[in-house]
Amino acid sequence: VQLQACGGGLVQAGGSLRLSCAASGGTFSRYALGWFRQAPGKEREFVATINSSGGLTAYADSVKGRFAISRDNAKNMVYLQMSSLKLEDTAVYYCAARTGPGYRAYASAYDYWGQGTLVTVSS
């Protein structure tokens, strides 16, 4: 499956942004999905994940209550709604897909990755 993330950009602290990720080439509804991010000089970290049906989600503590992951299986899309953005949210954000219905909060569980979209939060 191929993933294409978009929606990144420059936003002021406290603002909102929605990332989108389009999938193609596979049976989208069979994949659990995740969002990860990598800040400059840091390792890639888990942000959010959603199971194949969209009924279960999980978040990193750092974004809980501010970010929301969702998916539209009819459109082969996954989204990350980000609110109350902080300077430390600045990173390249990646969408990822794993074969199987259950979500996972670690990068090694994912089989397919998008190219990343840059989110920059300014003061």
C-alpha atoms as a PDB file:
ATOM      1  CA  VAL A   1       0.000   0.000   0.000  1.00  0.00           C
ATOM      2  CA  GLN A   2       1.216   3.512  -0.786  1.00  0.00           C
ATOM      3  CA  LEU A   3       0.671   6.386   1.624  1.00  0.00           C
ATOM      4  CA  GLN A   4       0.760  10.093   0.877  1.00  0.00           C
ATOM      5  CA  ALA A   5       0.624  12.552   3.756  1.00  0.00           C
ATOM      6  CA  CYS A   6      -0.206  16.209   3.393  1.00  0.00           C
ATOM      7  CA  GLY A   7      -1.512  19.165   5.352  1.00  0.00           C
ATOM      8  CA  GLY A   8       1.606  20.262   7.161  1.00  0.00           C
ATOM      9  CA  GLY A   9       2.640  23.861   7.383  1.00  0.00           C
ATOM     10  CA  LEU A  10       3.495  26.776   9.627  1.00  0.00           C
ATOM     11  CA  VAL A  11       1.108  27.498  12.482  1.00  0.00           C
ATOM     12  CA  GLN A  12       1.273  29.646  15.582  1.00  0.00           C
ATOM     13  CA  ALA A  13       1.364  28.108  19.024  1.00  0.00           C
ATOM     14  CA  GLY A  14      -2.157  27.454  20.216  1.00  0.00           C
ATOM     15  CA  GLY A  15      -3.418  26.989  16.692  1.00  0.00           C
ATOM     16  CA  SER A  16      -4.809  23.986  14.880  1.00  0.00           C
ATOM     17  CA  LEU A  17      -3.911  21.951  11.844  1.00  0.00           C
ATOM     18  CA  ARG A  18      -5.306  18.840  10.203  1.00  0.00           C
ATOM     19  CA  LEU A  19      -3.060  16.325   8.530  1.00  0.00           C
ATOM     20  CA  SER A  20      -4.401  13.962   5.920  1.00  0.00           C
ATOM     21  CA  CYS A  21      -2.988  10.758   4.536  1.00  0.00           C
ATOM     22  CA  ALA A  22      -4.281   9.093   1.393  1.00  0.00           C
ATOM     23  CA  ALA A  23      -3.762   5.387   0.840  1.00  0.00           C
ATOM     24  CA  SER A  24      -3.758   3.464  -2.398  1.00  0.00           C
ATOM     25  CA  GLY A  25      -2.887   0.026  -3.645  1.00  0.00           C
ATOM     26  CA  GLY A  26      -4.333  -2.094  -0.886  1.00  0.00           C
ATOM     27  CA  THR A  27      -7.494  -3.029   0.979  1.00  0.00           C
ATOM     28  CA  PHE A  28      -7.503  -0.021   3.247  1.00  0.00           C
ATOM     29  CA  SER A  29     -10.030  -1.350   5.729  1.00  0.00           C
ATOM     30  CA  ARG A  30      -7.733  -4.247   6.621  1.00  0.00           C
ATOM     31  CA  TYR A  31      -4.971  -2.011   7.933  1.00  0.00           C
ATOM     32  CA  ALA A  32      -4.471  -0.421  11.289  1.00  0.00           C
ATOM     33  CA  LEU A  33      -2.957   3.029  10.918  1.00  0.00           C
ATOM     34  CA  GLY A  34      -0.706   5.294  12.871  1.00  0.00           C
ATOM     35  CA  TRP A  35       0.864   8.722  12.958  1.00  0.00           C
ATOM     36  CA  PHE A  36       4.452   9.178  14.062  1.00  0.00           C
ATOM     37  CA  ARG A  37       6.682  12.226  14.165  1.00  0.00           C
ATOM     38  CA  GLN A  38      10.357  13.028  14.133  1.00  0.00           C
ATOM     39  CA  ALA A  39      11.755  16.301  15.394  1.00  0.00           C
ATOM     40  CA  PRO A  40      15.205  17.524  14.337  1.00  0.00           C
ATOM     41  CA  GLY A  41      17.901  15.578  16.125  1.00  0.00           C
ATOM     42  CA  LYS A  42      15.429  13.226  17.759  1.00  0.00           C
ATOM     43  CA  GLU A  43      14.197   9.725  17.130  1.00  0.00           C
ATOM     44  CA  ARG A  44      10.869   9.002  15.516  1.00  0.00           C
ATOM     45  CA  GLU A  45       8.129   8.792  18.112  1.00  0.00           C
ATOM     46  CA  PHE A  46       4.601   7.508  18.265  1.00  0.00           C
ATOM     47  CA  VAL A  47       1.763  10.029  18.118  1.00  0.00           C
ATOM     48  CA  ALA A  48      -1.532   8.236  17.547  1.00  0.00           C
ATOM     49  CA  THR A  49      -2.987   5.021  16.197  1.00  0.00           C
ATOM     50  CA  ILE A  50      -6.347   3.674  15.116  1.00  0.00           C
ATOM     51  CA  ASN A  51      -7.543   0.148  14.453  1.00  0.00           C
ATOM     52  CA  SER A  52      -8.859  -1.072  11.135  1.00  0.00           C
ATOM     53  CA  SER A  53     -12.515  -0.330  11.836  1.00  0.00           C
ATOM     54  CA  GLY A  54     -11.846   3.036  13.428  1.00  0.00           C
ATOM     55  CA  GLY A  55     -13.458   2.067  16.692  1.00  0.00           C
ATOM     56  CA  LEU A  56     -10.316   2.055  18.824  1.00  0.00           C
ATOM     57  CA  THR A  57      -7.652   4.709  19.169  1.00  0.00           C
ATOM     58  CA  ALA A  58      -4.614   5.376  21.315  1.00  0.00           C
ATOM     59  CA  TYR A  59      -2.392   8.403  21.816  1.00  0.00           C
ATOM     60  CA  ALA A  60       0.960   9.378  23.163  1.00  0.00           C
ATOM     61  CA  ASP A  61       0.638  11.102  26.521  1.00  0.00           C
ATOM     62  CA  SER A  62       2.187  14.238  25.043  1.00  0.00           C
ATOM     63  CA  VAL A  63      -0.713  14.737  22.622  1.00  0.00           C
ATOM     64  CA  LYS A  64      -3.622  13.195  24.508  1.00  0.00           C
ATOM     65  CA  GLY A  65      -6.543  15.587  24.662  1.00  0.00           C
ATOM     66  CA  ARG A  66      -5.098  17.796  21.918  1.00  0.00           C
ATOM     67  CA  PHE A  67      -4.854  15.487  18.901  1.00  0.00           C
ATOM     68  CA  ALA A  68      -7.471  13.222  17.368  1.00  0.00           C
ATOM     69  CA  ILE A  69      -6.933  10.474  14.837  1.00  0.00           C
ATOM     70  CA  SER A  70      -9.738   9.357  12.556  1.00  0.00           C
ATOM     71  CA  ARG A  71     -10.201   7.437   9.347  1.00  0.00           C
ATOM     72  CA  ASP A  72     -12.634   7.204   6.487  1.00  0.00           C
ATOM     73  CA  ASN A  73     -12.506   3.713   5.033  1.00  0.00           C
ATOM     74  CA  ALA A  74     -14.773   4.693   2.158  1.00  0.00           C
ATOM     75  CA  LYS A  75     -12.262   7.323   1.039  1.00  0.00           C
ATOM     76  CA  ASN A  76      -9.061   5.476   2.013  1.00  0.00           C
ATOM     77  CA  MET A  77      -8.051   8.374   4.225  1.00  0.00           C
ATOM     78  CA  VAL A  78      -6.647   8.823   7.700  1.00  0.00           C
ATOM     79  CA  TYR A  79      -6.538  12.141   9.495  1.00  0.00           C
ATOM     80  CA  LEU A  80      -4.795  13.732  12.420  1.00  0.00           C
ATOM     81  CA  GLN A  81      -6.578  16.744  13.856  1.00  0.00           C
ATOM     82  CA  MET A  82      -4.112  18.743  15.931  1.00  0.00           C
ATOM     83  CA  SER A  83      -5.241  21.472  18.310  1.00  0.00           C
ATOM     84  CA  SER A  84      -3.596  23.624  20.974  1.00  0.00           C
ATOM     85  CA  LEU A  85      -0.320  23.163  19.174  1.00  0.00           C
ATOM     86  CA  LYS A  86       2.886  23.696  21.097  1.00  0.00           C
ATOM     87  CA  LEU A  87       6.395  24.541  19.978  1.00  0.00           C
ATOM     88  CA  GLU A  88       7.451  21.000  20.835  1.00  0.00           C
ATOM     89  CA  ASP A  89       4.984  19.614  18.295  1.00  0.00           C
ATOM     90  CA  THR A  90       7.280  20.832  15.525  1.00  0.00           C
ATOM     91  CA  ALA A  91       8.344  17.769  13.537  1.00  0.00           C
ATOM     92  CA  VAL A  92       7.959  15.832  10.357  1.00  0.00           C
ATOM     93  CA  TYR A  93       4.794  13.783  10.686  1.00  0.00           C
ATOM     94  CA  TYR A  94       4.492  10.380   9.062  1.00  0.00           C
ATOM     95  CA  CYS A  95       1.473   8.201   8.488  1.00  0.00           C
ATOM     96  CA  ALA A  96       1.955   4.462   8.579  1.00  0.00           C
ATOM     97  CA  ALA A  97      -0.054   1.306   7.986  1.00  0.00           C
ATOM     98  CA  ARG A  98       0.277  -2.147   9.440  1.00  0.00           C
ATOM     99  CA  THR A  99      -1.190  -5.365   8.132  1.00  0.00           C
ATOM    100  CA  GLY A 100      -3.822  -6.495  10.585  1.00  0.00           C
ATOM    101  CA  PRO A 101      -6.726  -4.971  12.469  1.00  0.00           C
ATOM    102  CA  GLY A 102      -5.125  -4.144  15.788  1.00  0.00           C
ATOM    103  CA  TYR A 103      -3.351  -0.905  16.464  1.00  0.00           C
ATOM    104  CA  ARG A 104       0.198  -0.633  17.767  1.00  0.00           C
ATOM    105  CA  ALA A 105       2.126   2.198  19.366  1.00  0.00           C
ATOM    106  CA  TYR A 106       5.591   1.354  18.085  1.00  0.00           C
ATOM    107  CA  ALA A 107       7.126   1.995  14.699  1.00  0.00           C
ATOM    108  CA  SER A 108       8.510  -1.473  14.085  1.00  0.00           C
ATOM    109  CA  ALA A 109       4.964  -2.864  13.937  1.00  0.00           C
ATOM    110  CA  TYR A 110       4.200  -0.899  10.769  1.00  0.00           C
ATOM    111  CA  ASP A 111       4.819  -2.202   7.285  1.00  0.00           C
ATOM    112  CA  TYR A 112       4.193   0.864   5.127  1.00  0.00           C
ATOM    113  CA  TRP A 113       5.158   4.486   5.547  1.00  0.00           C
ATOM    114  CA  GLY A 114       4.302   7.753   3.862  1.00  0.00           C
ATOM    115  CA  GLN A 115       6.870  10.366   2.955  1.00  0.00           C
ATOM    116  CA  GLY A 116       6.174  12.762   5.827  1.00  0.00           C
ATOM    117  CA  THR A 117       4.806  16.272   6.063  1.00  0.00           C
ATOM    118  CA  LEU A 118       6.467  19.064   8.026  1.00  0.00           C
ATOM    119  CA  VAL A 119       4.628  20.823  10.824  1.00  0.00           C
ATOM    120  CA  THR A 120       6.280  23.922  12.232  1.00  0.00           C
ATOM    121  CA  VAL A 121       4.811  25.606  15.290  1.00  0.00           C
ATOM    122  CA  SER A 122       5.986  29.152  15.897  1.00  0.00           C
ATOM    123  CA  SER A 123       5.729  31.375  18.954  1.00  0.00           C
END
